[in-house]
Amino acid sequence: MLPPIGRPDLVHAGWIREGNARVFCEVVASLVRYDFDDLDWQAVEAALPGTDDEREEGWYGYPLVGEVTRLDLRLARAVGGTVISVEVRGAVGDVLRGQVELACDLAATYDMRPR
């Protein structure tokens, strides 16, 4: 799948279940070989309550600078819902794009919280 016209850096946009936010971040980070740890999660978790996906300035951005490439996560709570809107941006090939799309689809469909 190609990125939308005018947004060549957009890898994927969608939504995930709120309870899957950490595992989604961990999975996407692992795709670029970035070690997403507790401190990374604390930063994302602390920012999420103040986000709003209906306002452009209401999104939270978090960089994942890995060994493979850099991806930028953008996350925002959906107003009145229990989901988080996500965008992943970066310069990627088709394989990594497909992996990110799959991670988002799984985080939207299944309960992926660690046991």
PDB file of N, CA and C in Angstrom:
ATOM      1  N   MET A   1       0.835  -1.179   0.000  1.00  0.00           N
ATOM      2  CA  MET A   1       0.000   0.000   0.000  1.00  0.00           C
ATOM      3  C   MET A   1       0.880   1.242   0.000  1.00  0.00           C
ATOM      4  N   LEU A   2       0.580   2.185  -0.821  1.00  0.00           N
ATOM      5  CA  LEU A   2       1.334   3.425  -0.909  1.00  0.00           C
ATOM      6  C   LEU A   2       0.770   4.460   0.057  1.00  0.00           C
ATOM      7  N   PRO A   3       1.643   5.389   0.534  1.00  0.00           N
ATOM      8  CA  PRO A   3       1.136   6.446   1.417  1.00  0.00           C
ATOM      9  C   PRO A   3       0.213   7.381   0.644  1.00  0.00           C
ATOM     10  N   PRO A   4      -0.662   8.083   1.360  1.00  0.00           N
ATOM     11  CA  PRO A   4      -1.553   9.036   0.690  1.00  0.00           C
ATOM     12  C   PRO A   4      -0.763  10.107  -0.052  1.00  0.00           C
ATOM     13  N   ILE A   5      -1.307  10.590  -1.148  1.00  0.00           N
ATOM     14  CA  ILE A   5      -0.669  11.650  -1.919  1.00  0.00           C
ATOM     15  C   ILE A   5      -0.489  12.866  -1.024  1.00  0.00           C
ATOM     16  N   GLY A   6       0.688  13.456  -1.088  1.00  0.00           N
ATOM     17  CA  GLY A   6       0.983  14.632  -0.281  1.00  0.00           C
ATOM     18  C   GLY A   6       1.491  14.300   1.113  1.00  0.00           C
ATOM     19  N   ARG A   7       1.549  13.021   1.464  1.00  0.00           N
ATOM     20  CA  ARG A   7       2.045  12.613   2.779  1.00  0.00           C
ATOM     21  C   ARG A   7       3.006  11.437   2.614  1.00  0.00           C
ATOM     22  N   PRO A   8       4.120  11.656   1.939  1.00  0.00           N
ATOM     23  CA  PRO A   8       5.024  10.537   1.645  1.00  0.00           C
ATOM     24  C   PRO A   8       5.657   9.905   2.881  1.00  0.00           C
ATOM     25  N   ASP A   9       5.668  10.619   4.008  1.00  0.00           N
ATOM     26  CA  ASP A   9       6.273  10.058   5.214  1.00  0.00           C
ATOM     27  C   ASP A   9       5.280   9.250   6.052  1.00  0.00           C
ATOM     28  N   LEU A  10       3.995   9.256   5.686  1.00  0.00           N
ATOM     29  CA  LEU A  10       2.994   8.521   6.463  1.00  0.00           C
ATOM     30  C   LEU A  10       3.087   7.039   6.130  1.00  0.00           C
ATOM     31  N   VAL A  11       3.453   6.248   7.132  1.00  0.00           N
ATOM     32  CA  VAL A  11       3.556   4.807   6.973  1.00  0.00           C
ATOM     33  C   VAL A  11       2.174   4.181   7.143  1.00  0.00           C
ATOM     34  N   HIS A  12       1.475   4.580   8.199  1.00  0.00           N
ATOM     35  CA  HIS A  12       0.145   4.036   8.457  1.00  0.00           C
ATOM     36  C   HIS A  12      -0.600   4.934   9.431  1.00  0.00           C
ATOM     37  N   ALA A  13      -1.898   5.017   9.253  1.00  0.00           N
ATOM     38  CA  ALA A  13      -2.769   5.743  10.179  1.00  0.00           C
ATOM     39  C   ALA A  13      -3.949   4.839  10.494  1.00  0.00           C
ATOM     40  N   GLY A  14      -4.345   4.809  11.748  1.00  0.00           N
ATOM     41  CA  GLY A  14      -5.475   3.986  12.156  1.00  0.00           C
ATOM     42  C   GLY A  14      -5.783   4.211  13.620  1.00  0.00           C
ATOM     43  N   TRP A  15      -6.275   3.185  14.249  1.00  0.00           N
ATOM     44  CA  TRP A  15      -6.593   3.273  15.678  1.00  0.00           C
ATOM     45  C   TRP A  15      -6.287   1.932  16.326  1.00  0.00           C
ATOM     46  N   ILE A  16      -6.075   1.985  17.638  1.00  0.00           N
ATOM     47  CA  ILE A  16      -5.808   0.783  18.427  1.00  0.00           C
ATOM     48  C   ILE A  16      -6.642   0.839  19.699  1.00  0.00           C
ATOM     49  N   ARG A  17      -6.847  -0.315  20.306  1.00  0.00           N
ATOM     50  CA  ARG A  17      -7.518  -0.339  21.610  1.00  0.00           C
ATOM     51  C   ARG A  17      -6.611   0.318  22.639  1.00  0.00           C
ATOM     52  N   GLU A  18      -7.213   1.079  23.527  1.00  0.00           N
ATOM     53  CA  GLU A  18      -6.432   1.803  24.531  1.00  0.00           C
ATOM     54  C   GLU A  18      -5.545   0.865  25.356  1.00  0.00           C
ATOM     55  N   GLY A  19      -6.072  -0.286  25.718  1.00  0.00           N
ATOM     56  CA  GLY A  19      -5.297  -1.240  26.515  1.00  0.00           C
ATOM     57  C   GLY A  19      -4.115  -1.841  25.785  1.00  0.00           C
ATOM     58  N   ASN A  20      -4.047  -1.661  24.476  1.00  0.00           N
ATOM     59  CA  ASN A  20      -2.951  -2.206  23.678  1.00  0.00           C
ATOM     60  C   ASN A  20      -1.867  -1.182  23.367  1.00  0.00           C
ATOM     61  N   ALA A  21      -1.971   0.009  23.928  1.00  0.00           N
ATOM     62  CA  ALA A  21      -1.049   1.087  23.563  1.00  0.00           C
ATOM     63  C   ALA A  21       0.405   0.716  23.842  1.00  0.00           C
ATOM     64  N   ARG A  22       0.681   0.181  25.006  1.00  0.00           N
ATOM     65  CA  ARG A  22       2.084  -0.131  25.314  1.00  0.00           C
ATOM     66  C   ARG A  22       2.621  -1.226  24.405  1.00  0.00           C
ATOM     67  N   VAL A  23       1.883  -2.306  24.264  1.00  0.00           N
ATOM     68  CA  VAL A  23       2.390  -3.390  23.432  1.00  0.00           C
ATOM     69  C   VAL A  23       2.512  -2.935  21.977  1.00  0.00           C
ATOM     70  N   PHE A  24       1.615  -2.083  21.503  1.00  0.00           N
ATOM     71  CA  PHE A  24       1.739  -1.548  20.149  1.00  0.00           C
ATOM     72  C   PHE A  24       3.047  -0.770  20.003  1.00  0.00           C
ATOM     73  N   CYS A  25       3.326   0.105  20.959  1.00  0.00           N
ATOM     74  CA  CYS A  25       4.579   0.862  20.917  1.00  0.00           C
ATOM     75  C   CYS A  25       5.783  -0.069  20.939  1.00  0.00           C
ATOM     76  N   GLU A  26       5.736  -1.096  21.774  1.00  0.00           N
ATOM     77  CA  GLU A  26       6.839  -2.050  21.869  1.00  0.00           C
ATOM     78  C   GLU A  26       7.041  -2.812  20.560  1.00  0.00           C
ATOM     79  N   VAL A  27       5.954  -3.240  19.947  1.00  0.00           N
ATOM     80  CA  VAL A  27       6.051  -3.997  18.700  1.00  0.00           C
ATOM     81  C   VAL A  27       6.611  -3.117  17.583  1.00  0.00           C
ATOM     82  N   VAL A  28       6.071  -1.919  17.429  1.00  0.00           N
ATOM     83  CA  VAL A  28       6.564  -1.027  16.375  1.00  0.00           C
ATOM     84  C   VAL A  28       8.039  -0.694  16.622  1.00  0.00           C
ATOM     85  N   ALA A  29       8.403  -0.448  17.876  1.00  0.00           N
ATOM     86  CA  ALA A  29       9.805  -0.171  18.195  1.00  0.00           C
ATOM     87  C   ALA A  29      10.698  -1.358  17.827  1.00  0.00           C
ATOM     88  N   SER A  30      10.225  -2.564  18.091  1.00  0.00           N
ATOM     89  CA  SER A  30      11.043  -3.740  17.789  1.00  0.00           C
ATOM     90  C   SER A  30      11.268  -3.894  16.286  1.00  0.00           C
ATOM     91  N   LEU A  31      10.343  -3.409  15.472  1.00  0.00           N
ATOM     92  CA  LEU A  31      10.486  -3.514  14.023  1.00  0.00           C
ATOM     93  C   LEU A  31      11.677  -2.716  13.505  1.00  0.00           C
ATOM     94  N   VAL A  32      12.051  -1.652  14.213  1.00  0.00           N
ATOM     95  CA  VAL A  32      13.212  -0.850  13.813  1.00  0.00           C
ATOM     96  C   VAL A  32      14.398  -1.080  14.745  1.00  0.00           C
ATOM     97  N   ARG A  33      14.260  -2.078  15.606  1.00  0.00           N
ATOM     98  CA  ARG A  33      15.290  -2.447  16.592  1.00  0.00           C
ATOM     99  C   ARG A  33      15.592  -1.310  17.565  1.00  0.00           C
ATOM    100  N   TYR A  34      14.516  -0.764  18.112  1.00  0.00           N
ATOM    101  CA  TYR A  34      14.608   0.231  19.181  1.00  0.00           C
ATOM    102  C   TYR A  34      14.134  -0.449  20.449  1.00  0.00           C
ATOM    103  N   ASP A  35      14.897  -0.310  21.530  1.00  0.00           N
ATOM    104  CA  ASP A  35      14.549  -0.946  22.809  1.00  0.00           C
ATOM    105  C   ASP A  35      13.603  -0.029  23.584  1.00  0.00           C
ATOM    106  N   PHE A  36      12.306  -0.254  23.399  1.00  0.00           N
ATOM    107  CA  PHE A  36      11.275   0.538  24.071  1.00  0.00           C
ATOM    108  C   PHE A  36      11.141   0.008  25.492  1.00  0.00           C
ATOM    109  N   ASP A  37      11.538   0.816  26.481  1.00  0.00           N
ATOM    110  CA  ASP A  37      11.558   0.333  27.863  1.00  0.00           C
ATOM    111  C   ASP A  37      10.554   1.083  28.735  1.00  0.00           C
ATOM    112  N   ASP A  38      10.636   0.850  30.031  1.00  0.00           N
ATOM    113  CA  ASP A  38       9.696   1.461  30.969  1.00  0.00           C
ATOM    114  C   ASP A  38       9.721   2.993  30.930  1.00  0.00           C
ATOM    115  N   LEU A  39      10.905   3.577  30.755  1.00  0.00           N
ATOM    116  CA  LEU A  39      10.988   5.047  30.700  1.00  0.00           C
ATOM    117  C   LEU A  39      10.288   5.589  29.455  1.00  0.00           C
ATOM    118  N   ASP A  40      10.435   4.888  28.340  1.00  0.00           N
ATOM    119  CA  ASP A  40       9.724   5.298  27.128  1.00  0.00           C
ATOM    120  C   ASP A  40       8.216   5.245  27.373  1.00  0.00           C
ATOM    121  N   TRP A  41       7.769   4.139  27.966  1.00  0.00           N
ATOM    122  CA  TRP A  41       6.333   3.991  28.204  1.00  0.00           C
ATOM    123  C   TRP A  41       5.824   5.050  29.173  1.00  0.00           C
ATOM    124  N   GLN A  42       6.592   5.376  30.199  1.00  0.00           N
ATOM    125  CA  GLN A  42       6.165   6.398  31.149  1.00  0.00           C
ATOM    126  C   GLN A  42       5.943   7.740  30.447  1.00  0.00           C
ATOM    127  N   ALA A  43       6.796   8.071  29.485  1.00  0.00           N
ATOM    128  CA  ALA A  43       6.635   9.321  28.746  1.00  0.00           C
ATOM    129  C   ALA A  43       5.346   9.300  27.927  1.00  0.00           C
ATOM    130  N   VAL A  44       5.103   8.201  27.223  1.00  0.00           N
ATOM    131  CA  VAL A  44       3.895   8.091  26.401  1.00  0.00           C
ATOM    132  C   VAL A  44       2.653   8.066  27.286  1.00  0.00           C
ATOM    133  N   GLU A  45       2.679   7.257  28.321  1.00  0.00           N
ATOM    134  CA  GLU A  45       1.531   7.105  29.215  1.00  0.00           C
ATOM    135  C   GLU A  45       1.162   8.429  29.885  1.00  0.00           C
ATOM    136  N   ALA A  46       2.173   9.201  30.278  1.00  0.00           N
ATOM    137  CA  ALA A  46       1.910  10.487  30.928  1.00  0.00           C
ATOM    138  C   ALA A  46       1.311  11.504  29.959  1.00  0.00           C
ATOM    139  N   ALA A  47       1.650  11.394  28.683  1.00  0.00           N
ATOM    140  CA  ALA A  47       1.171  12.359  27.692  1.00  0.00           C
ATOM    141  C   ALA A  47      -0.233  12.041  27.191  1.00  0.00           C
ATOM    142  N   LEU A  48      -0.620  10.779  27.156  1.00  0.00           N
ATOM    143  CA  LEU A  48      -1.886  10.382  26.540  1.00  0.00           C
ATOM    144  C   LEU A  48      -3.136  11.061  27.116  1.00  0.00           C
ATOM    145  N   PRO A  49      -3.258  11.229  28.438  1.00  0.00           N
ATOM    146  CA  PRO A  49      -4.489  11.850  28.958  1.00  0.00           C
ATOM    147  C   PRO A  49      -4.754  13.255  28.412  1.00  0.00           C
ATOM    148  N   GLY A  50      -3.739  13.975  28.020  1.00  0.00           N
ATOM    149  CA  GLY A  50      -3.927  15.333  27.509  1.00  0.00           C
ATOM    150  C   GLY A  50      -4.090  15.421  25.999  1.00  0.00           C
ATOM    151  N   THR A  51      -4.240  14.284  25.339  1.00  0.00           N
ATOM    152  CA  THR A  51      -4.338  14.292  23.879  1.00  0.00           C
ATOM    153  C   THR A  51      -5.783  14.310  23.412  1.00  0.00           C
ATOM    154  N   ASP A  52      -5.960  14.671  22.149  1.00  0.00           N
ATOM    155  CA  ASP A  52      -7.289  14.776  21.552  1.00  0.00           C
ATOM    156  C   ASP A  52      -7.131  14.625  20.044  1.00  0.00           C
ATOM    157  N   ASP A  53      -7.653  13.544  19.483  1.00  0.00           N
ATOM    158  CA  ASP A  53      -7.448  13.277  18.056  1.00  0.00           C
ATOM    159  C   ASP A  53      -8.249  14.187  17.136  1.00  0.00           C
ATOM    160  N   GLU A  54      -9.090  15.040  17.695  1.00  0.00           N
ATOM    161  CA  GLU A  54      -9.866  15.961  16.874  1.00  0.00           C
ATOM    162  C   GLU A  54      -9.165  17.311  16.690  1.00  0.00           C
ATOM    163  N   ARG A  55      -8.032  17.472  17.346  1.00  0.00           N
ATOM    164  CA  ARG A  55      -7.251  18.710  17.210  1.00  0.00           C
ATOM    165  C   ARG A  55      -5.850  18.359  16.722  1.00  0.00           C
ATOM    166  N   GLU A  56      -5.385  19.011  15.691  1.00  0.00           N
ATOM    167  CA  GLU A  56      -4.052  18.732  15.151  1.00  0.00           C
ATOM    168  C   GLU A  56      -2.980  18.891  16.221  1.00  0.00           C
ATOM    169  N   GLU A  57      -3.116  19.922  17.046  1.00  0.00           N
ATOM    170  CA  GLU A  57      -2.123  20.147  18.098  1.00  0.00           C
ATOM    171  C   GLU A  57      -2.376  19.262  19.324  1.00  0.00           C
ATOM    172  N   GLY A  58      -3.401  18.437  19.275  1.00  0.00           N
ATOM    173  CA  GLY A  58      -3.738  17.561  20.391  1.00  0.00           C
ATOM    174  C   GLY A  58      -3.064  16.192  20.347  1.00  0.00           C
ATOM    175  N   TRP A  59      -2.226  15.963  19.354  1.00  0.00           N
ATOM    176  CA  TRP A  59      -1.537  14.682  19.222  1.00  0.00           C
ATOM    177  C   TRP A  59      -0.199  14.718  19.961  1.00  0.00           C
ATOM    178  N   TYR A  60       0.241  13.538  20.420  1.00  0.00           N
ATOM    179  CA  TYR A  60       1.536  13.411  21.074  1.00  0.00           C
ATOM    180  C   TYR A  60       2.476  12.659  20.138  1.00  0.00           C
ATOM    181  N   GLY A  61       3.665  13.193  19.943  1.00  0.00           N
ATOM    182  CA  GLY A  61       4.649  12.551  19.076  1.00  0.00           C
ATOM    183  C   GLY A  61       5.775  11.934  19.881  1.00  0.00           C
ATOM    184  N   TYR A  62       6.197  10.728  19.463  1.00  0.00           N
ATOM    185  CA  TYR A  62       7.298  10.061  20.134  1.00  0.00           C
ATOM    186  C   TYR A  62       8.199   9.415  19.091  1.00  0.00           C
ATOM    187  N   PRO A  63       9.498   9.774  19.087  1.00  0.00           N
ATOM    188  CA  PRO A  63      10.412   9.207  18.096  1.00  0.00           C
ATOM    189  C   PRO A  63      10.933   7.829  18.527  1.00  0.00           C
ATOM    190  N   LEU A  64      11.054   6.953  17.558  1.00  0.00           N
ATOM    191  CA  LEU A  64      11.676   5.650  17.763  1.00  0.00           C
ATOM    192  C   LEU A  64      12.879   5.594  16.827  1.00  0.00           C
ATOM    193  N   VAL A  65      14.053   5.918  17.356  1.00  0.00           N
ATOM    194  CA  VAL A  65      15.263   5.946  16.542  1.00  0.00           C
ATOM    195  C   VAL A  65      15.957   4.603  16.723  1.00  0.00           C
ATOM    196  N   GLY A  66      15.721   3.721  15.770  1.00  0.00           N
ATOM    197  CA  GLY A  66      16.241   2.368  15.873  1.00  0.00           C
ATOM    198  C   GLY A  66      17.483   2.155  15.040  1.00  0.00           C
ATOM    199  N   GLU A  67      17.955   0.919  15.061  1.00  0.00           N
ATOM    200  CA  GLU A  67      19.129   0.542  14.280  1.00  0.00           C
ATOM    201  C   GLU A  67      18.805   0.469  12.794  1.00  0.00           C
ATOM    202  N   VAL A  68      17.550   0.217  12.452  1.00  0.00           N
ATOM    203  CA  VAL A  68      17.144   0.060  11.059  1.00  0.00           C
ATOM    204  C   VAL A  68      16.775   1.399  10.440  1.00  0.00           C
ATOM    205  N   THR A  69      15.931   2.150  11.096  1.00  0.00           N
ATOM    206  CA  THR A  69      15.493   3.465  10.634  1.00  0.00           C
ATOM    207  C   THR A  69      14.813   4.178  11.792  1.00  0.00           C
ATOM    208  N   ARG A  70      14.321   5.364  11.530  1.00  0.00           N
ATOM    209  CA  ARG A  70      13.572   6.126  12.536  1.00  0.00           C
ATOM    210  C   ARG A  70      12.098   6.125  12.150  1.00  0.00           C
ATOM    211  N   LEU A  71      11.263   5.850  13.133  1.00  0.00           N
ATOM    212  CA  LEU A  71       9.824   5.991  12.973  1.00  0.00           C
ATOM    213  C   LEU A  71       9.342   6.986  14.010  1.00  0.00           C
ATOM    214  N   ASP A  72       8.375   7.792  13.642  1.00  0.00           N
ATOM    215  CA  ASP A  72       7.770   8.726  14.578  1.00  0.00           C
ATOM    216  C   ASP A  72       6.341   8.291  14.831  1.00  0.00           C
ATOM    217  N   LEU A  73       6.046   8.001  16.092  1.00  0.00           N
ATOM    218  CA  LEU A  73       4.683   7.653  16.485  1.00  0.00           C
ATOM    219  C   LEU A  73       3.941   8.933  16.827  1.00  0.00           C
ATOM    220  N   ARG A  74       2.698   9.014  16.391  1.00  0.00           N
ATOM    221  CA  ARG A  74       1.802  10.091  16.812  1.00  0.00           C
ATOM    222  C   ARG A  74       0.573   9.401  17.377  1.00  0.00           C
ATOM    223  N   LEU A  75       0.214   9.775  18.604  1.00  0.00           N
ATOM    224  CA  LEU A  75      -0.899   9.130  19.293  1.00  0.00           C
ATOM    225  C   LEU A  75      -1.823  10.179  19.886  1.00  0.00           C
ATOM    226  N   ALA A  76      -3.112   9.859  19.904  1.00  0.00           N
ATOM    227  CA  ALA A  76      -4.091  10.766  20.521  1.00  0.00           C
ATOM    228  C   ALA A  76      -5.335   9.961  20.878  1.00  0.00           C
ATOM    229  N   ARG A  77      -5.884  10.268  22.032  1.00  0.00           N
ATOM    230  CA  ARG A  77      -7.131   9.610  22.434  1.00  0.00           C
ATOM    231  C   ARG A  77      -8.282  10.070  21.556  1.00  0.00           C
ATOM    232  N   ALA A  78      -9.150   9.133  21.238  1.00  0.00           N
ATOM    233  CA  ALA A  78     -10.365   9.472  20.514  1.00  0.00           C
ATOM    234  C   ALA A  78     -11.354  10.049  21.519  1.00  0.00           C
ATOM    235  N   VAL A  79     -11.888  11.193  21.212  1.00  0.00           N
ATOM    236  CA  VAL A  79     -12.810  11.871  22.120  1.00  0.00           C
ATOM    237  C   VAL A  79     -14.028  10.992  22.368  1.00  0.00           C
ATOM    238  N   GLY A  80     -14.314  10.753  23.637  1.00  0.00           N
ATOM    239  CA  GLY A  80     -15.492   9.982  24.010  1.00  0.00           C
ATOM    240  C   GLY A  80     -15.383   8.489  23.768  1.00  0.00           C
ATOM    241  N   GLY A  81     -14.212   8.001  23.439  1.00  0.00           N
ATOM    242  CA  GLY A  81     -14.063   6.579  23.143  1.00  0.00           C
ATOM    243  C   GLY A  81     -13.016   5.911  24.006  1.00  0.00           C
ATOM    244  N   THR A  82     -12.770   4.668  23.710  1.00  0.00           N
ATOM    245  CA  THR A  82     -11.754   3.895  24.425  1.00  0.00           C
ATOM    246  C   THR A  82     -10.677   3.419  23.459  1.00  0.00           C
ATOM    247  N   VAL A  83     -10.481   4.194  22.412  1.00  0.00           N
ATOM    248  CA  VAL A  83      -9.449   3.859  21.439  1.00  0.00           C
ATOM    249  C   VAL A  83      -8.472   5.012  21.316  1.00  0.00           C
ATOM    250  N   ILE A  84      -7.325   4.707  20.764  1.00  0.00           N
ATOM    251  CA  ILE A  84      -6.288   5.697  20.528  1.00  0.00           C
ATOM    252  C   ILE A  84      -6.025   5.749  19.031  1.00  0.00           C
ATOM    253  N   SER A  85      -6.117   6.922  18.479  1.00  0.00           N
ATOM    254  CA  SER A  85      -5.760   7.107  17.078  1.00  0.00           C
ATOM    255  C   SER A  85      -4.242   7.132  16.974  1.00  0.00           C
ATOM    256  N   VAL A  86      -3.714   6.499  15.935  1.00  0.00           N
ATOM    257  CA  VAL A  86      -2.269   6.427  15.769  1.00  0.00           C
ATOM    258  C   VAL A  86      -1.875   6.779  14.341  1.00  0.00           C
ATOM    259  N   GLU A  87      -0.730   7.364  14.228  1.00  0.00           N
ATOM    260  CA  GLU A  87      -0.064   7.563  12.949  1.00  0.00           C
ATOM    261  C   GLU A  87       1.379   7.156  13.143  1.00  0.00           C
ATOM    262  N   VAL A  88       1.923   6.493  12.157  1.00  0.00           N
ATOM    263  CA  VAL A  88       3.338   6.134  12.158  1.00  0.00           C
ATOM    264  C   VAL A  88       3.924   6.786  10.921  1.00  0.00           C
ATOM    265  N   ARG A  89       4.994   7.536  11.124  1.00  0.00           N
ATOM    266  CA  ARG A  89       5.629   8.245  10.016  1.00  0.00           C
ATOM    267  C   ARG A  89       7.095   7.880   9.928  1.00  0.00           C
ATOM    268  N   GLY A  90       7.617   7.931   8.729  1.00  0.00           N
ATOM    269  CA  GLY A  90       9.022   7.648   8.500  1.00  0.00           C
ATOM    270  C   GLY A  90       9.258   7.274   7.051  1.00  0.00           C
ATOM    271  N   ALA A  91      10.514   7.017   6.721  1.00  0.00           N
ATOM    272  CA  ALA A  91      10.891   6.570   5.384  1.00  0.00           C
ATOM    273  C   ALA A  91      11.107   5.066   5.453  1.00  0.00           C
ATOM    274  N   VAL A  92      10.189   4.309   4.859  1.00  0.00           N
ATOM    275  CA  VAL A  92      10.243   2.850   4.975  1.00  0.00           C
ATOM    276  C   VAL A  92       9.989   2.186   3.622  1.00  0.00           C
ATOM    277  N   GLY A  93      10.342   0.921   3.562  1.00  0.00           N
ATOM    278  CA  GLY A  93      10.038   0.112   2.396  1.00  0.00           C
ATOM    279  C   GLY A  93       8.719  -0.613   2.583  1.00  0.00           C
ATOM    280  N   ASP A  94       8.351  -1.369   1.584  1.00  0.00           N
ATOM    281  CA  ASP A  94       7.070  -2.072   1.594  1.00  0.00           C
ATOM    282  C   ASP A  94       6.956  -3.097   2.723  1.00  0.00           C
ATOM    283  N   VAL A  95       8.045  -3.796   3.039  1.00  0.00           N
ATOM    284  CA  VAL A  95       7.988  -4.829   4.077  1.00  0.00           C
ATOM    285  C   VAL A  95       7.712  -4.204   5.436  1.00  0.00           C
ATOM    286  N   LEU A  96       8.464  -3.167   5.788  1.00  0.00           N
ATOM    287  CA  LEU A  96       8.252  -2.516   7.083  1.00  0.00           C
ATOM    288  C   LEU A  96       6.877  -1.859   7.134  1.00  0.00           C
ATOM    289  N   ARG A  97       6.437  -1.279   6.034  1.00  0.00           N
ATOM    290  CA  ARG A  97       5.097  -0.684   5.982  1.00  0.00           C
ATOM    291  C   ARG A  97       4.040  -1.755   6.295  1.00  0.00           C
ATOM    292  N   GLY A  98       4.166  -2.917   5.683  1.00  0.00           N
ATOM    293  CA  GLY A  98       3.218  -4.002   5.931  1.00  0.00           C
ATOM    294  C   GLY A  98       3.259  -4.486   7.365  1.00  0.00           C
ATOM    295  N   GLN A  99       4.445  -4.530   7.959  1.00  0.00           N
ATOM    296  CA  GLN A  99       4.568  -4.952   9.351  1.00  0.00           C
ATOM    297  C   GLN A  99       3.899  -3.962  10.291  1.00  0.00           C
ATOM    298  N   VAL A 100       4.061  -2.680  10.034  1.00  0.00           N
ATOM    299  CA  VAL A 100       3.428  -1.651  10.866  1.00  0.00           C
ATOM    300  C   VAL A 100       1.907  -1.729  10.724  1.00  0.00           C
ATOM    301  N   GLU A 101       1.431  -1.904   9.502  1.00  0.00           N
ATOM    302  CA  GLU A 101      -0.011  -2.034   9.279  1.00  0.00           C
ATOM    303  C   GLU A 101      -0.569  -3.240  10.025  1.00  0.00           C
ATOM    304  N   LEU A 102       0.135  -4.360   9.980  1.00  0.00           N
ATOM    305  CA  LEU A 102      -0.305  -5.562  10.689  1.00  0.00           C
ATOM    306  C   LEU A 102      -0.336  -5.321  12.193  1.00  0.00           C
ATOM    307  N   ALA A 103       0.699  -4.682  12.733  1.00  0.00           N
ATOM    308  CA  ALA A 103       0.727  -4.391  14.172  1.00  0.00           C
ATOM    309  C   ALA A 103      -0.471  -3.546  14.577  1.00  0.00           C
ATOM    310  N   CYS A 104      -0.810  -2.554  13.765  1.00  0.00           N
ATOM    311  CA  CYS A 104      -1.954  -1.690  14.062  1.00  0.00           C
ATOM    312  C   CYS A 104      -3.261  -2.478  13.969  1.00  0.00           C
ATOM    313  N   ASP A 105      -3.398  -3.278  12.933  1.00  0.00           N
ATOM    314  CA  ASP A 105      -4.614  -4.082  12.773  1.00  0.00           C
ATOM    315  C   ASP A 105      -4.808  -5.036  13.948  1.00  0.00           C
ATOM    316  N   LEU A 106      -3.731  -5.676  14.400  1.00  0.00           N
ATOM    317  CA  LEU A 106      -3.833  -6.595  15.535  1.00  0.00           C
ATOM    318  C   LEU A 106      -4.182  -5.852  16.817  1.00  0.00           C
ATOM    319  N   ALA A 107      -3.572  -4.670  17.019  1.00  0.00           N
ATOM    320  CA  ALA A 107      -3.836  -3.884  18.230  1.00  0.00           C
ATOM    321  C   ALA A 107      -5.235  -3.288  18.232  1.00  0.00           C
ATOM    322  N   ALA A 108      -5.856  -3.208  17.060  1.00  0.00           N
ATOM    323  CA  ALA A 108      -7.235  -2.721  16.973  1.00  0.00           C
ATOM    324  C   ALA A 108      -8.235  -3.852  17.178  1.00  0.00           C
ATOM    325  N   THR A 109      -7.833  -5.065  16.880  1.00  0.00           N
ATOM    326  CA  THR A 109      -8.764  -6.188  16.867  1.00  0.00           C
ATOM    327  C   THR A 109      -8.717  -7.047  18.119  1.00  0.00           C
ATOM    328  N   TYR A 110      -7.534  -7.263  18.661  1.00  0.00           N
ATOM    329  CA  TYR A 110      -7.361  -8.215  19.758  1.00  0.00           C
ATOM    330  C   TYR A 110      -6.911  -7.539  21.046  1.00  0.00           C
ATOM    331  N   ASP A 111      -7.142  -8.203  22.159  1.00  0.00           N
ATOM    332  CA  ASP A 111      -6.633  -7.756  23.451  1.00  0.00           C
ATOM    333  C   ASP A 111      -5.199  -8.277  23.561  1.00  0.00           C
ATOM    334  N   MET A 112      -4.236  -7.401  23.508  1.00  0.00           N
ATOM    335  CA  MET A 112      -2.832  -7.797  23.444  1.00  0.00           C
ATOM    336  C   MET A 112      -2.041  -7.464  24.702  1.00  0.00           C
ATOM    337  N   ARG A 113      -2.693  -7.176  25.788  1.00  0.00           N
ATOM    338  CA  ARG A 113      -1.973  -6.814  27.003  1.00  0.00           C
ATOM    339  C   ARG A 113      -1.119  -7.976  27.484  1.00  0.00           C
ATOM    340  N   PRO A 114       0.083  -7.660  27.992  1.00  0.00           N
ATOM    341  CA  PRO A 114       0.937  -8.725  28.536  1.00  0.00           C
ATOM    342  C   PRO A 114       0.278  -9.355  29.764  1.00  0.00           C
ATOM    343  N   ARG A 115       0.592 -10.572  29.984  1.00  0.00           N
ATOM    344  CA  ARG A 115       0.033 -11.277  31.160  1.00  0.00           C
ATOM    345  C   ARG A 115       0.812 -10.991  32.404  1.00  0.00           C
TER     346      ARG A 115
END
